[in-house]
C-alpha atoms as a PDB file:
ATOM      1  CA  UNK A   1       0.697   3.920  18.009  1.00  0.00           C
ATOM      2  CA  UNK A   2      -1.312   1.640  20.290  1.00  0.00           C
ATOM      3  CA  UNK A   3      -0.125  -1.529  21.967  1.00  0.00           C
ATOM      4  CA  UNK A   4      -1.564  -3.805  19.286  1.00  0.00           C
ATOM      5  CA  UNK A   5       1.174  -2.640  16.983  1.00  0.00           C
ATOM      6  CA  UNK A   6       3.599  -4.773  19.035  1.00  0.00           C
ATOM      7  CA  UNK A   7       2.295  -7.659  16.923  1.00  0.00           C
ATOM      8  CA  UNK A   8       3.300  -5.803  13.791  1.00  0.00           C
ATOM      9  CA  UNK A   9       6.918  -5.011  14.639  1.00  0.00           C
ATOM     10  CA  UNK A  10       8.373  -7.547  12.173  1.00  0.00           C
ATOM     11  CA  UNK A  11       7.547  -5.420   9.109  1.00  0.00           C
ATOM     12  CA  UNK A  12       9.798  -2.709  10.570  1.00  0.00           C
ATOM     13  CA  UNK A  13      12.436  -4.708  12.436  1.00  0.00           C
ATOM     14  CA  UNK A  14      13.378  -6.867   9.448  1.00  0.00           C
ATOM     15  CA  UNK A  15      13.844  -4.018   7.010  1.00  0.00           C
ATOM     16  CA  UNK A  16      17.122  -3.544   5.191  1.00  0.00           C
ATOM     17  CA  UNK A  17      18.239  -0.454   3.353  1.00  0.00           C
ATOM     18  CA  UNK A  18      17.060  -0.373  -0.269  1.00  0.00           C
ATOM     19  CA  UNK A  19      17.706   2.369  -2.764  1.00  0.00           C
ATOM     20  CA  UNK A  20      15.272   3.034  -5.592  1.00  0.00           C
ATOM     21  CA  UNK A  21      16.389   1.844  -9.025  1.00  0.00           C
ATOM     22  CA  UNK A  22      16.286   4.675 -11.556  1.00  0.00           C
ATOM     23  CA  UNK A  23      13.828   4.530 -14.450  1.00  0.00           C
ATOM     24  CA  UNK A  24      14.134   6.038 -17.906  1.00  0.00           C
ATOM     25  CA  UNK A  25      10.970   8.081 -17.382  1.00  0.00           C
ATOM     26  CA  UNK A  26      11.391  11.799 -17.883  1.00  0.00           C
ATOM     27  CA  UNK A  27       9.940  14.079 -15.180  1.00  0.00           C
ATOM     28  CA  UNK A  28       7.188  16.509 -16.171  1.00  0.00           C
ATOM     29  CA  UNK A  29       7.026  19.057 -13.342  1.00  0.00           C
ATOM     30  CA  UNK A  30       4.619  21.933 -13.607  1.00  0.00           C
ATOM     31  CA  UNK A  31       2.261  23.908 -11.408  1.00  0.00           C
ATOM     32  CA  UNK A  32      -0.837  22.142 -10.103  1.00  0.00           C
ATOM     33  CA  UNK A  33      -3.482  24.825  -9.573  1.00  0.00           C
ATOM     34  CA  UNK A  34      -5.737  25.141  -6.575  1.00  0.00           C
ATOM     35  CA  UNK A  35      -4.522  22.087  -4.619  1.00  0.00           C
ATOM     36  CA  UNK A  36      -5.931  22.046  -1.086  1.00  0.00           C
ATOM     37  CA  UNK A  37      -5.238  18.426  -0.134  1.00  0.00           C
ATOM     38  CA  UNK A  38      -2.509  15.940  -1.007  1.00  0.00           C
ATOM     39  CA  UNK A  39      -3.222  12.205  -1.020  1.00  0.00           C
ATOM     40  CA  UNK A  40      -0.653   9.409  -1.357  1.00  0.00           C
ATOM     41  CA  UNK A  41      -0.294   5.784  -2.265  1.00  0.00           C
ATOM     42  CA  UNK A  42       2.047   3.887   0.081  1.00  0.00           C
ATOM     43  CA  UNK A  43       3.839   0.932  -1.549  1.00  0.00           C
ATOM     44  CA  UNK A  44       6.180   2.075  -4.290  1.00  0.00           C
ATOM     45  CA  UNK A  45       5.497   5.731  -3.447  1.00  0.00           C
ATOM     46  CA  UNK A  46       6.146   6.594   0.198  1.00  0.00           C
ATOM     47  CA  UNK A  47       8.132   3.396   0.728  1.00  0.00           C
ATOM     48  CA  UNK A  48      10.408   1.394  -1.525  1.00  0.00           C
ATOM     49  CA  UNK A  49       8.681  -1.955  -1.958  1.00  0.00           C
ATOM     50  CA  UNK A  50      10.630  -5.096  -2.691  1.00  0.00           C
ATOM     51  CA  UNK A  51       7.715  -6.741  -4.432  1.00  0.00           C
ATOM     52  CA  UNK A  52       5.632  -3.703  -5.341  1.00  0.00           C
ATOM     53  CA  UNK A  53       2.597  -5.352  -3.768  1.00  0.00           C
ATOM     54  CA  UNK A  54       1.241  -6.061  -0.292  1.00  0.00           C
ATOM     55  CA  UNK A  55      -0.260  -9.042   1.483  1.00  0.00           C
ATOM     56  CA  UNK A  56       0.356 -11.587  -1.265  1.00  0.00           C
ATOM     57  CA  UNK A  57       1.894 -15.032  -1.197  1.00  0.00           C
ATOM     58  CA  UNK A  58       5.195 -14.921  -3.080  1.00  0.00           C
ATOM     59  CA  UNK A  59       5.050 -17.498  -5.883  1.00  0.00           C
ATOM     60  CA  UNK A  60       8.865 -17.557  -6.042  1.00  0.00           C
ATOM     61  CA  UNK A  61       9.163 -18.681  -2.427  1.00  0.00           C
ATOM     62  CA  UNK A  62      10.336 -22.302  -2.369  1.00  0.00           C
ATOM     63  CA  UNK A  63       9.510 -22.459   1.313  1.00  0.00           C
ATOM     64  CA  UNK A  64      12.396 -20.562   2.864  1.00  0.00           C
ATOM     65  CA  UNK A  65      10.458 -17.398   3.672  1.00  0.00           C
ATOM     66  CA  UNK A  66       7.457 -19.386   4.909  1.00  0.00           C
ATOM     67  CA  UNK A  67       9.695 -21.580   7.107  1.00  0.00           C
ATOM     68  CA  UNK A  68      11.514 -18.552   8.553  1.00  0.00           C
ATOM     69  CA  UNK A  69       8.176 -16.877   9.325  1.00  0.00           C
ATOM     70  CA  UNK A  70       6.899 -19.933  11.186  1.00  0.00           C
ATOM     71  CA  UNK A  71      10.173 -20.255  13.089  1.00  0.00           C
ATOM     72  CA  UNK A  72       9.945 -16.592  14.126  1.00  0.00           C
ATOM     73  CA  UNK A  73       6.688 -17.295  15.949  1.00  0.00           C
ATOM     74  CA  UNK A  74       8.010 -20.453  17.582  1.00  0.00           C
ATOM     75  CA  UNK A  75       6.603 -23.173  15.395  1.00  0.00           C
ATOM     76  CA  UNK A  76       8.636 -25.535  13.240  1.00  0.00           C
ATOM     77  CA  UNK A  77       6.573 -27.394  10.612  1.00  0.00           C
ATOM     78  CA  UNK A  78       7.976 -30.390   8.730  1.00  0.00           C
ATOM     79  CA  UNK A  79      10.274 -29.046   6.019  1.00  0.00           C
ATOM     80  CA  UNK A  80       8.530 -30.900   3.214  1.00  0.00           C
ATOM     81  CA  UNK A  81       5.171 -29.367   4.152  1.00  0.00           C
ATOM     82  CA  UNK A  82       6.284 -25.762   4.115  1.00  0.00           C
ATOM     83  CA  UNK A  83       6.092 -25.116   0.338  1.00  0.00           C
ATOM     84  CA  UNK A  84       2.571 -26.540   0.385  1.00  0.00           C
ATOM     85  CA  UNK A  85       1.544 -23.912   2.952  1.00  0.00           C
ATOM     86  CA  UNK A  86       2.507 -21.153   0.485  1.00  0.00           C
ATOM     87  CA  UNK A  87       0.393 -22.780  -2.223  1.00  0.00           C
ATOM     88  CA  UNK A  88      -2.537 -23.098   0.177  1.00  0.00           C
ATOM     89  CA  UNK A  89      -2.197 -19.463   1.152  1.00  0.00           C
ATOM     90  CA  UNK A  90      -2.345 -18.361  -2.499  1.00  0.00           C
ATOM     91  CA  UNK A  91      -5.451 -20.503  -3.003  1.00  0.00           C
ATOM     92  CA  UNK A  92      -7.092 -18.976   0.099  1.00  0.00           C
ATOM     93  CA  UNK A  93      -6.420 -15.469  -1.246  1.00  0.00           C
ATOM     94  CA  UNK A  94      -7.750 -16.300  -4.720  1.00  0.00           C
ATOM     95  CA  UNK A  95     -10.858 -18.049  -3.426  1.00  0.00           C
ATOM     96  CA  UNK A  96     -11.681 -15.177  -1.081  1.00  0.00           C
ATOM     97  CA  UNK A  97     -11.389 -12.641  -3.862  1.00  0.00           C
ATOM     98  CA  UNK A  98     -13.358 -14.643  -6.423  1.00  0.00           C
ATOM     99  CA  UNK A  99     -16.170 -15.233  -3.939  1.00  0.00           C
ATOM    100  CA  UNK A 100     -16.722 -11.506  -3.589  1.00  0.00           C
ATOM    101  CA  UNK A 101     -16.094 -10.340  -7.169  1.00  0.00           C
ATOM    102  CA  UNK A 102     -19.094  -8.761  -8.853  1.00  0.00           C
ATOM    103  CA  UNK A 103     -20.503  -5.619 -10.447  1.00  0.00           C
ATOM    104  CA  UNK A 104     -20.450  -3.770  -7.117  1.00  0.00           C
ATOM    105  CA  UNK A 105     -17.022  -5.177  -6.223  1.00  0.00           C
ATOM    106  CA  UNK A 106     -14.876  -5.355  -9.359  1.00  0.00           C
ATOM    107  CA  UNK A 107     -11.582  -5.533  -7.448  1.00  0.00           C
ATOM    108  CA  UNK A 108     -11.981  -7.415  -4.139  1.00  0.00           C
ATOM    109  CA  UNK A 109      -9.383  -7.164  -1.393  1.00  0.00           C
ATOM    110  CA  UNK A 110      -8.600  -9.985   0.979  1.00  0.00           C
ATOM    111  CA  UNK A 111      -8.051  -9.525   4.686  1.00  0.00           C
ATOM    112  CA  UNK A 112      -4.683 -11.256   4.793  1.00  0.00           C
ATOM    113  CA  UNK A 113      -5.080 -12.316   8.450  1.00  0.00           C
ATOM    114  CA  UNK A 114      -8.291 -14.098   7.506  1.00  0.00           C
ATOM    115  CA  UNK A 115      -6.495 -15.742   4.579  1.00  0.00           C
ATOM    116  CA  UNK A 116      -3.749 -16.983   6.894  1.00  0.00           C
ATOM    117  CA  UNK A 117      -6.320 -18.250   9.394  1.00  0.00           C
ATOM    118  CA  UNK A 118      -8.137 -20.157   6.643  1.00  0.00           C
ATOM    119  CA  UNK A 119      -4.894 -21.696   5.380  1.00  0.00           C
ATOM    120  CA  UNK A 120      -3.835 -22.775   8.860  1.00  0.00           C
ATOM    121  CA  UNK A 121      -7.205 -24.417   9.489  1.00  0.00           C
ATOM    122  CA  UNK A 122      -7.038 -26.103   6.096  1.00  0.00           C
ATOM    123  CA  UNK A 123      -3.707 -27.789   6.951  1.00  0.00           C
ATOM    124  CA  UNK A 124      -4.993 -28.893  10.346  1.00  0.00           C
ATOM    125  CA  UNK A 125      -3.423 -26.214  12.563  1.00  0.00           C
ATOM    126  CA  UNK A 126      -6.771 -25.223  14.081  1.00  0.00           C
ATOM    127  CA  UNK A 127      -5.465 -24.107  17.483  1.00  0.00           C
ATOM    128  CA  UNK A 128      -2.871 -21.922  15.748  1.00  0.00           C
ATOM    129  CA  UNK A 129      -5.592 -20.472  13.486  1.00  0.00           C
ATOM    130  CA  UNK A 130      -7.711 -19.521  16.512  1.00  0.00           C
ATOM    131  CA  UNK A 131      -4.848 -17.596  18.153  1.00  0.00           C
ATOM    132  CA  UNK A 132      -5.359 -14.176  16.487  1.00  0.00           C
ATOM    133  CA  UNK A 133      -2.245 -12.551  17.960  1.00  0.00           C
ATOM    134  CA  UNK A 134      -0.044 -15.371  16.733  1.00  0.00           C
ATOM    135  CA  UNK A 135      -1.659 -15.380  13.267  1.00  0.00           C
ATOM    136  CA  UNK A 136      -1.072 -11.621  12.912  1.00  0.00           C
ATOM    137  CA  UNK A 137       2.555 -12.083  13.980  1.00  0.00           C
ATOM    138  CA  UNK A 138       2.966 -14.881  11.448  1.00  0.00           C
ATOM    139  CA  UNK A 139       1.440 -12.790   8.650  1.00  0.00           C
ATOM    140  CA  UNK A 140       3.778  -9.901   9.535  1.00  0.00           C
ATOM    141  CA  UNK A 141       6.827 -12.109   9.702  1.00  0.00           C
ATOM    142  CA  UNK A 142       6.055 -13.464   6.246  1.00  0.00           C
ATOM    143  CA  UNK A 143       5.270 -10.013   4.793  1.00  0.00           C
ATOM    144  CA  UNK A 144       8.600  -8.702   6.097  1.00  0.00           C
ATOM    145  CA  UNK A 145      10.358 -11.325   4.037  1.00  0.00           C
ATOM    146  CA  UNK A 146       8.150 -11.439   0.938  1.00  0.00           C
ATOM    147  CA  UNK A 147       7.786  -7.659   0.584  1.00  0.00           C
ATOM    148  CA  UNK A 148      10.670  -5.850   2.320  1.00  0.00           C
ATOM    149  CA  UNK A 149      10.307  -2.068   2.475  1.00  0.00           C
ATOM    150  CA  UNK A 150      12.373   0.997   3.133  1.00  0.00           C
ATOM    151  CA  UNK A 151      11.473   4.703   3.264  1.00  0.00           C
ATOM    152  CA  UNK A 152      11.485   6.239  -0.233  1.00  0.00           C
ATOM    153  CA  UNK A 153      14.151   8.966  -0.461  1.00  0.00           C
ATOM    154  CA  UNK A 154      12.597  12.343   0.142  1.00  0.00           C
ATOM    155  CA  UNK A 155       9.394  10.951   1.652  1.00  0.00           C
ATOM    156  CA  UNK A 156      10.068  12.113   5.214  1.00  0.00           C
ATOM    157  CA  UNK A 157      11.173  15.618   4.181  1.00  0.00           C
ATOM    158  CA  UNK A 158       8.265  15.963   1.767  1.00  0.00           C
ATOM    159  CA  UNK A 159       5.640  15.006   4.356  1.00  0.00           C
ATOM    160  CA  UNK A 160       7.182  17.438   6.867  1.00  0.00           C
ATOM    161  CA  UNK A 161       7.105  20.278   4.347  1.00  0.00           C
ATOM    162  CA  UNK A 162       3.540  19.505   3.342  1.00  0.00           C
ATOM    163  CA  UNK A 163       2.440  19.401   6.974  1.00  0.00           C
ATOM    164  CA  UNK A 164       3.963  22.839   7.462  1.00  0.00           C
ATOM    165  CA  UNK A 165       1.889  24.110   4.529  1.00  0.00           C
ATOM    166  CA  UNK A 166      -1.243  23.358   6.607  1.00  0.00           C
ATOM    167  CA  UNK A 167      -2.878  21.348   3.818  1.00  0.00           C
ATOM    168  CA  UNK A 168      -4.515  18.095   4.913  1.00  0.00           C
ATOM    169  CA  UNK A 169      -2.798  14.893   3.879  1.00  0.00           C
ATOM    170  CA  UNK A 170      -4.453  11.581   3.004  1.00  0.00           C
ATOM    171  CA  UNK A 171      -3.737   8.052   1.919  1.00  0.00           C
ATOM    172  CA  UNK A 172      -5.554   5.724  -0.471  1.00  0.00           C
ATOM    173  CA  UNK A 173      -3.725   2.416  -0.455  1.00  0.00           C
ATOM    174  CA  UNK A 174      -4.128  -1.227  -1.270  1.00  0.00           C
ATOM    175  CA  UNK A 175      -3.176  -2.149   2.270  1.00  0.00           C
ATOM    176  CA  UNK A 176      -3.166  -4.681   5.068  1.00  0.00           C
ATOM    177  CA  UNK A 177      -2.964  -4.606   8.837  1.00  0.00           C
ATOM    178  CA  UNK A 178       0.771  -3.832   8.700  1.00  0.00           C
ATOM    179  CA  UNK A 179       0.501  -0.771   6.396  1.00  0.00           C
ATOM    180  CA  UNK A 180      -0.312   1.927   8.938  1.00  0.00           C
ATOM    181  CA  UNK A 181       2.653   1.024  11.182  1.00  0.00           C
ATOM    182  CA  UNK A 182       4.924   1.413   8.170  1.00  0.00           C
ATOM    183  CA  UNK A 183       3.699   4.940   7.548  1.00  0.00           C
ATOM    184  CA  UNK A 184       3.830   5.850  11.238  1.00  0.00           C
ATOM    185  CA  UNK A 185       7.367   4.570  11.453  1.00  0.00           C
ATOM    186  CA  UNK A 186       8.264   6.614   8.370  1.00  0.00           C
ATOM    187  CA  UNK A 187       6.879   9.757  10.031  1.00  0.00           C
ATOM    188  CA  UNK A 188       8.101   8.939  13.541  1.00  0.00           C
ATOM    189  CA  UNK A 189       4.656   9.575  15.025  1.00  0.00           C
ATOM    190  CA  UNK A 190       0.998   8.731  14.558  1.00  0.00           C
ATOM    191  CA  UNK A 191      -0.869   9.530  11.349  1.00  0.00           C
ATOM    192  CA  UNK A 192      -2.743  12.368  12.987  1.00  0.00           C
ATOM    193  CA  UNK A 193       0.394  13.851  14.540  1.00  0.00           C
ATOM    194  CA  UNK A 194       2.027  13.675  11.122  1.00  0.00           C
ATOM    195  CA  UNK A 195      -0.607  15.828   9.439  1.00  0.00           C
ATOM    196  CA  UNK A 196      -2.795  13.080   8.013  1.00  0.00           C
ATOM    197  CA  UNK A 197      -6.555  13.557   8.212  1.00  0.00           C
ATOM    198  CA  UNK A 198      -8.015  10.186   9.138  1.00  0.00           C
ATOM    199  CA  UNK A 199     -11.157  10.919   7.150  1.00  0.00           C
ATOM    200  CA  UNK A 200      -8.886  11.124   4.079  1.00  0.00           C
ATOM    201  CA  UNK A 201      -7.050   7.869   4.859  1.00  0.00           C
ATOM    202  CA  UNK A 202      -8.650   4.929   3.048  1.00  0.00           C
ATOM    203  CA  UNK A 203      -7.224   1.407   3.245  1.00  0.00           C
ATOM    204  CA  UNK A 204      -8.411  -1.463   1.081  1.00  0.00           C
ATOM    205  CA  UNK A 205      -8.411  -4.128   3.759  1.00  0.00           C
ATOM    206  CA  UNK A 206     -10.956  -2.133   5.773  1.00  0.00           C
ATOM    207  CA  UNK A 207     -13.387  -1.961   2.870  1.00  0.00           C
ATOM    208  CA  UNK A 208     -12.492  -5.335   1.309  1.00  0.00           C
ATOM    209  CA  UNK A 209     -12.169  -3.605  -2.055  1.00  0.00           C
ATOM    210  CA  UNK A 210      -8.989  -2.512  -3.805  1.00  0.00           C
ATOM    211  CA  UNK A 211      -7.804  -0.078  -6.435  1.00  0.00           C
ATOM    212  CA  UNK A 212      -8.463   0.390  -9.295  1.00  0.00           C
ATOM    213  CA  UNK A 213     -12.071  -0.294  -8.323  1.00  0.00           C
ATOM    214  CA  UNK A 214     -13.973   2.907  -7.478  1.00  0.00           C
ATOM    215  CA  UNK A 215     -14.901   2.194  -3.867  1.00  0.00           C
ATOM    216  CA  UNK A 216     -11.793   3.593  -2.137  1.00  0.00           C
ATOM    217  CA  UNK A 217     -11.872   6.854  -4.084  1.00  0.00           C
ATOM    218  CA  UNK A 218     -15.611   7.181  -3.473  1.00  0.00           C
ATOM    219  CA  UNK A 219     -14.853   7.047   0.241  1.00  0.00           C
ATOM    220  CA  UNK A 220     -12.077   9.627  -0.232  1.00  0.00           C
ATOM    221  CA  UNK A 221     -14.431  11.936  -2.154  1.00  0.00           C
ATOM    222  CA  UNK A 222     -16.889  11.802   0.748  1.00  0.00           C
ATOM    223  CA  UNK A 223     -14.115  12.754   3.149  1.00  0.00           C
ATOM    224  CA  UNK A 224     -13.027  15.646   0.948  1.00  0.00           C
ATOM    225  CA  UNK A 225     -16.628  16.851   0.591  1.00  0.00           C
ATOM    226  CA  UNK A 226     -17.048  16.963   4.372  1.00  0.00           C
ATOM    227  CA  UNK A 227     -14.085  19.334   4.497  1.00  0.00           C
ATOM    228  CA  UNK A 228     -15.429  21.525   1.720  1.00  0.00           C
ATOM    229  CA  UNK A 229     -12.787  20.322  -0.748  1.00  0.00           C
ATOM    230  CA  UNK A 230     -13.736  19.397  -4.302  1.00  0.00           C
ATOM    231  CA  UNK A 231     -12.030  16.380  -5.924  1.00  0.00           C
ATOM    232  CA  UNK A 232     -10.199  18.639  -8.404  1.00  0.00           C
ATOM    233  CA  UNK A 233      -8.725  20.511  -5.442  1.00  0.00           C
ATOM    234  CA  UNK A 234      -6.854  17.366  -4.370  1.00  0.00           C
ATOM    235  CA  UNK A 235      -3.855  15.701  -5.977  1.00  0.00           C
ATOM    236  CA  UNK A 236      -3.175  11.995  -5.738  1.00  0.00           C
ATOM    237  CA  UNK A 237       0.422  10.744  -5.897  1.00  0.00           C
ATOM    238  CA  UNK A 238       1.091   7.131  -6.879  1.00  0.00           C
ATOM    239  CA  UNK A 239       3.371   4.844  -8.850  1.00  0.00           C
ATOM    240  CA  UNK A 240       0.833   2.801 -10.819  1.00  0.00           C
ATOM    241  CA  UNK A 241      -0.815   4.301 -13.923  1.00  0.00           C
ATOM    242  CA  UNK A 242      -3.876   2.046 -13.531  1.00  0.00           C
ATOM    243  CA  UNK A 243      -4.402   1.671  -9.799  1.00  0.00           C
ATOM    244  CA  UNK A 244      -3.355   5.223  -9.013  1.00  0.00           C
ATOM    245  CA  UNK A 245      -3.475   7.650 -11.951  1.00  0.00           C
ATOM    246  CA  UNK A 246      -6.448   6.170 -13.828  1.00  0.00           C
ATOM    247  CA  UNK A 247      -8.460   5.411 -10.678  1.00  0.00           C
ATOM    248  CA  UNK A 248      -7.850   8.874  -9.176  1.00  0.00           C
ATOM    249  CA  UNK A 249      -8.575  10.667 -12.450  1.00  0.00           C
ATOM    250  CA  UNK A 250     -11.883   8.791 -12.716  1.00  0.00           C
ATOM    251  CA  UNK A 251     -12.757  10.258  -9.317  1.00  0.00           C
ATOM    252  CA  UNK A 252     -11.915  13.769 -10.539  1.00  0.00           C
ATOM    253  CA  UNK A 253      -8.612  14.279  -8.706  1.00  0.00           C
ATOM    254  CA  UNK A 254      -5.484  15.827 -10.192  1.00  0.00           C
ATOM    255  CA  UNK A 255      -2.778  13.195 -10.571  1.00  0.00           C
ATOM    256  CA  UNK A 256       0.954  12.891 -10.047  1.00  0.00           C
ATOM    257  CA  UNK A 257       2.624   9.735 -11.375  1.00  0.00           C
ATOM    258  CA  UNK A 258       5.668   8.837  -9.307  1.00  0.00           C
ATOM    259  CA  UNK A 259       8.165   7.021 -11.552  1.00  0.00           C
ATOM    260  CA  UNK A 260      11.167   7.033  -9.265  1.00  0.00           C
ATOM    261  CA  UNK A 261      11.790   3.309  -8.746  1.00  0.00           C
ATOM    262  CA  UNK A 262      11.904   0.662 -11.460  1.00  0.00           C
ATOM    263  CA  UNK A 263      10.684  -2.048  -9.018  1.00  0.00           C
ATOM    264  CA  UNK A 264       7.245  -0.516  -8.730  1.00  0.00           C
ATOM    265  CA  UNK A 265       6.990   1.948 -11.638  1.00  0.00           C
ATOM    266  CA  UNK A 266       4.018   0.608 -13.649  1.00  0.00           C
ATOM    267  CA  UNK A 267       3.008   2.371 -16.848  1.00  0.00           C
ATOM    268  CA  UNK A 268       0.307  -0.257 -17.635  1.00  0.00           C
ATOM    269  CA  UNK A 269       0.552   0.317 -21.358  1.00  0.00           C
ATOM    270  CA  UNK A 270      -0.894  -3.145 -21.868  1.00  0.00           C
ATOM    271  CA  UNK A 271      -4.186  -1.909 -20.383  1.00  0.00           C
ATOM    272  CA  UNK A 272      -6.467   0.049 -22.775  1.00  0.00           C
ATOM    273  CA  UNK A 273      -7.506   2.377 -19.939  1.00  0.00           C
ATOM    274  CA  UNK A 274      -3.940   3.663 -19.697  1.00  0.00           C
ATOM    275  CA  UNK A 275      -2.726   3.823 -23.321  1.00  0.00           C
ATOM    276  CA  UNK A 276      -3.846   7.406 -23.855  1.00  0.00           C
ATOM    277  CA  UNK A 277      -3.888   8.412 -20.211  1.00  0.00           C
ATOM    278  CA  UNK A 278      -1.723  11.350 -19.182  1.00  0.00           C
ATOM    279  CA  UNK A 279      -1.073  12.303 -15.555  1.00  0.00           C
ATOM    280  CA  UNK A 280      -1.084  15.970 -14.695  1.00  0.00           C
ATOM    281  CA  UNK A 281       2.554  15.764 -13.614  1.00  0.00           C
ATOM    282  CA  UNK A 282       5.273  13.128 -13.610  1.00  0.00           C
ATOM    283  CA  UNK A 283       7.709  12.900 -10.684  1.00  0.00           C
ATOM    284  CA  UNK A 284      10.996  11.052 -10.585  1.00  0.00           C
ATOM    285  CA  UNK A 285      11.840  12.471  -7.150  1.00  0.00           C
ATOM    286  CA  UNK A 286       9.203  12.967  -4.487  1.00  0.00           C
ATOM    287  CA  UNK A 287      10.542  16.401  -3.582  1.00  0.00           C
ATOM    288  CA  UNK A 288       9.573  17.620  -7.062  1.00  0.00           C
ATOM    289  CA  UNK A 289       6.026  17.745  -5.785  1.00  0.00           C
ATOM    290  CA  UNK A 290       6.934  20.848  -3.778  1.00  0.00           C
ATOM    291  CA  UNK A 291       7.628  22.712  -7.041  1.00  0.00           C
ATOM    292  CA  UNK A 292       4.235  21.595  -8.415  1.00  0.00           C
ATOM    293  CA  UNK A 293       2.562  23.097  -5.347  1.00  0.00           C
ATOM    294  CA  UNK A 294       4.703  26.264  -5.282  1.00  0.00           C
ATOM    295  CA  UNK A 295       6.071  25.385  -1.819  1.00  0.00           C
ATOM    296  CA  UNK A 296       9.563  26.797  -1.309  1.00  0.00           C
END
């Protein structure tokens, strides 16, 4: 990890142990044929996610988390103004997304640092907004409180076993600047050193488009093709039936729905795209994936 990650330490330093909450979903573990690459979601899959989302402004925050985040970077706004900052941040996120939504961008993704910078300028904190390092630190301090994370049980062992199998690993994630450090902390080393192929690692904030829009999986398919791997020779593991299973299946990948934590297990039965959708396998424990891949 390079030195810039010093700005991102808050998302790791403020973590507290969280155990997944069991679901009533029944596992469906069977062999997945011909898998040559394994690709993961991050939030709710490789890490327990307190909110199940990333880079959002928590609507339930009455100002405490926002105030604590500002204090952590050495600035103490008037108490009565703090809740308004959260509202302004949500507006900045919504306006950014709506301005880019269209046929070629059905699911826009905000750059959360830009959203914070816009909010800070909007409330008159222009010097603060122009200090990129401080804005990143502020965004990370808030994220650590609004969306606490913890390694998903089995994630470390699973990644180590998959790396030993010599199959390339990838990530397709709705993500922000603090997502990669989370994964690297989980693995204890850089993505490359952990067996991830950077050409198979696709993060929404870099493309300004999110799942379930097709853009991220189009990029993944290009990366797979350059390695001589067809989409059906890859399996995608994620916790969301729409963003993960539906989106990956549309791209031609095999799919594994991870339903191991009630916080982030999303069956999306209210969405017509998911009502008759069936993943290739259903996991309630990440280590079950080894059985699907015949890895002993």
